[in-house]
Amino acid sequence: MAKELDDRYVVAPDYGCVCPSICVLVLEDTQKAAPKNSTLLVLEGNPPEKLTWLAKELDLSNATLSWLNTTPQITFKNSDGTTSKICSVDSDDKLSHVSTSCANGQGKKFPSL
């Protein structure tokens, strides 16, 4: 994982930008204690026209970013490597709103991030 470091945040762009029209980046706050020191930042548009802090103070140590079709997803895993939940990042242009919907592999719903 390639990282770019400034005084406070580490950005992981090599796996964070997952779609051409919506980009999800992981920011790691180096001034906060791990593991709950990660934030998800969403860049919308091409070139980016809008920035949204999607979720803060997350434990992403066992999580991966990917995408399904054009939808960014965050997959959280248990310590044994099994998937605990998958969250989709949804952008509603009409409402000018970014949200997440989370569920496990069997369709059980979880609270959004």
Protein backbone atom coordinates (compact mmCIF):
# COMPACT_ATOMS: atom_id res chain seq x y z
CA MET A 1 0.00 0.00 0.00
CA ALA A 2 1.53 3.29 -1.10
CA LYS A 3 0.98 6.20 1.27
CA GLU A 4 1.54 9.90 1.04
CA LEU A 5 2.36 11.66 4.27
CA ASP A 6 1.88 15.25 5.35
CA ASP A 7 2.18 16.57 8.90
CA ARG A 8 -0.93 14.85 10.17
CA TYR A 9 -2.70 12.65 7.62
CA VAL A 10 -1.63 9.63 5.63
CA VAL A 11 -3.57 9.12 2.38
CA ALA A 12 -3.70 5.79 0.61
CA PRO A 13 -4.59 6.73 -2.99
CA ASP A 14 -3.45 3.50 -4.63
CA TYR A 15 -6.54 1.61 -3.45
CA GLY A 16 -8.83 4.45 -2.41
CA CYS A 17 -10.09 5.90 -5.65
CA VAL A 18 -12.53 3.33 -6.89
CA CYS A 19 -14.76 4.94 -9.51
CA PRO A 20 -14.36 7.63 -12.15
CA SER A 21 -17.26 9.82 -10.95
CA ILE A 22 -16.96 9.17 -7.21
CA CYS A 23 -13.73 8.59 -5.35
CA VAL A 24 -13.42 7.24 -1.80
CA LEU A 25 -10.14 7.92 0.00
CA VAL A 26 -8.95 6.63 3.35
CA LEU A 27 -7.25 9.22 5.54
CA GLU A 28 -5.29 8.01 8.55
CA ASP A 29 -4.91 10.59 11.32
CA THR A 30 -1.39 10.07 12.67
CA GLN A 31 -2.11 12.21 15.75
CA LYS A 32 -4.83 9.84 16.98
CA ALA A 33 -4.28 6.38 18.43
CA ALA A 34 -4.98 3.37 16.22
CA PRO A 35 -7.12 1.55 15.39
CA LYS A 36 -9.97 4.13 15.29
CA ASN A 37 -7.96 6.81 13.50
CA SER A 38 -9.23 6.49 9.93
CA THR A 39 -11.64 8.70 8.01
CA LEU A 40 -13.39 8.18 4.68
CA LEU A 41 -13.39 11.17 2.34
CA VAL A 42 -15.56 11.19 -0.80
CA LEU A 43 -14.64 13.23 -3.87
CA GLU A 44 -17.47 13.62 -6.36
CA GLY A 45 -17.32 14.67 -9.98
CA ASN A 46 -14.60 14.61 -12.58
CA PRO A 47 -12.66 16.79 -11.82
CA PRO A 48 -13.71 16.76 -8.14
CA GLU A 49 -16.45 19.30 -7.51
CA LYS A 50 -17.51 18.29 -4.02
CA LEU A 51 -15.80 16.89 -0.89
CA THR A 52 -17.71 14.99 1.78
CA TRP A 53 -16.42 13.59 5.08
CA LEU A 54 -18.29 10.30 4.97
CA ALA A 55 -17.28 8.75 8.30
CA LYS A 56 -14.69 9.56 10.94
CA GLU A 57 -12.86 7.61 13.66
CA LEU A 58 -13.23 4.23 11.95
CA ASP A 59 -11.24 1.08 12.51
CA LEU A 60 -10.24 0.12 8.96
CA SER A 61 -7.40 -2.18 9.95
CA ASN A 62 -9.29 -5.22 8.58
CA ALA A 63 -11.20 -3.40 5.84
CA THR A 64 -10.74 -3.03 2.09
CA LEU A 65 -12.07 -0.62 -0.49
CA SER A 66 -13.35 -1.95 -3.79
CA TRP A 67 -16.25 -1.38 -6.13
CA LEU A 68 -19.17 -3.25 -7.64
CA ASN A 69 -20.11 -1.87 -11.06
CA THR A 70 -19.91 1.87 -10.29
CA THR A 71 -20.58 1.65 -6.55
CA PRO A 72 -17.71 1.99 -4.06
CA GLN A 73 -17.77 -0.59 -1.26
CA ILE A 74 -16.01 -0.95 2.08
CA THR A 75 -15.67 -4.56 3.20
CA PHE A 76 -15.05 -5.13 6.90
CA LYS A 77 -13.54 -8.45 7.95
CA ASN A 78 -13.35 -10.31 11.25
CA SER A 79 -9.96 -11.21 12.70
CA ASP A 80 -10.29 -14.69 11.12
CA GLY A 81 -10.66 -13.13 7.64
CA THR A 82 -14.38 -13.74 7.21
CA THR A 83 -16.55 -10.85 6.04
CA SER A 84 -18.51 -9.17 8.81
CA LYS A 85 -20.24 -6.47 6.73
CA ILE A 86 -20.13 -4.71 3.38
CA CYS A 87 -21.05 -1.03 3.07
CA SER A 88 -21.93 0.57 -0.26
CA VAL A 89 -21.28 4.28 -0.82
CA ASP A 90 -24.24 5.87 -2.57
CA SER A 91 -24.41 9.34 -4.08
CA ASP A 92 -27.83 10.92 -4.64
CA ASP A 93 -27.39 13.79 -7.09
CA LYS A 94 -30.98 15.00 -6.60
CA LEU A 95 -30.51 15.36 -2.84
CA SER A 96 -26.83 16.33 -3.10
CA HIS A 97 -26.13 13.69 -0.46
CA VAL A 98 -23.67 10.84 0.06
CA SER A 99 -24.68 7.92 2.28
CA THR A 100 -23.84 4.31 3.03
CA SER A 101 -25.92 1.19 3.26
CA CYS A 102 -24.43 -1.77 5.13
CA ALA A 103 -25.32 -5.46 5.29
CA ASN A 104 -23.72 -8.83 5.79
CA GLY A 105 -23.44 -11.46 3.06
CA GLN A 106 -26.89 -12.85 3.91
CA GLY A 107 -28.68 -9.50 3.55
CA LYS A 108 -28.95 -8.62 7.25
CA LYS A 109 -28.93 -4.82 7.47
CA PHE A 110 -26.55 -2.84 9.69
CA PRO A 111 -26.53 0.86 10.60
CA SER A 112 -24.83 3.12 8.06
CA LEU A 113 -21.32 4.43 8.69
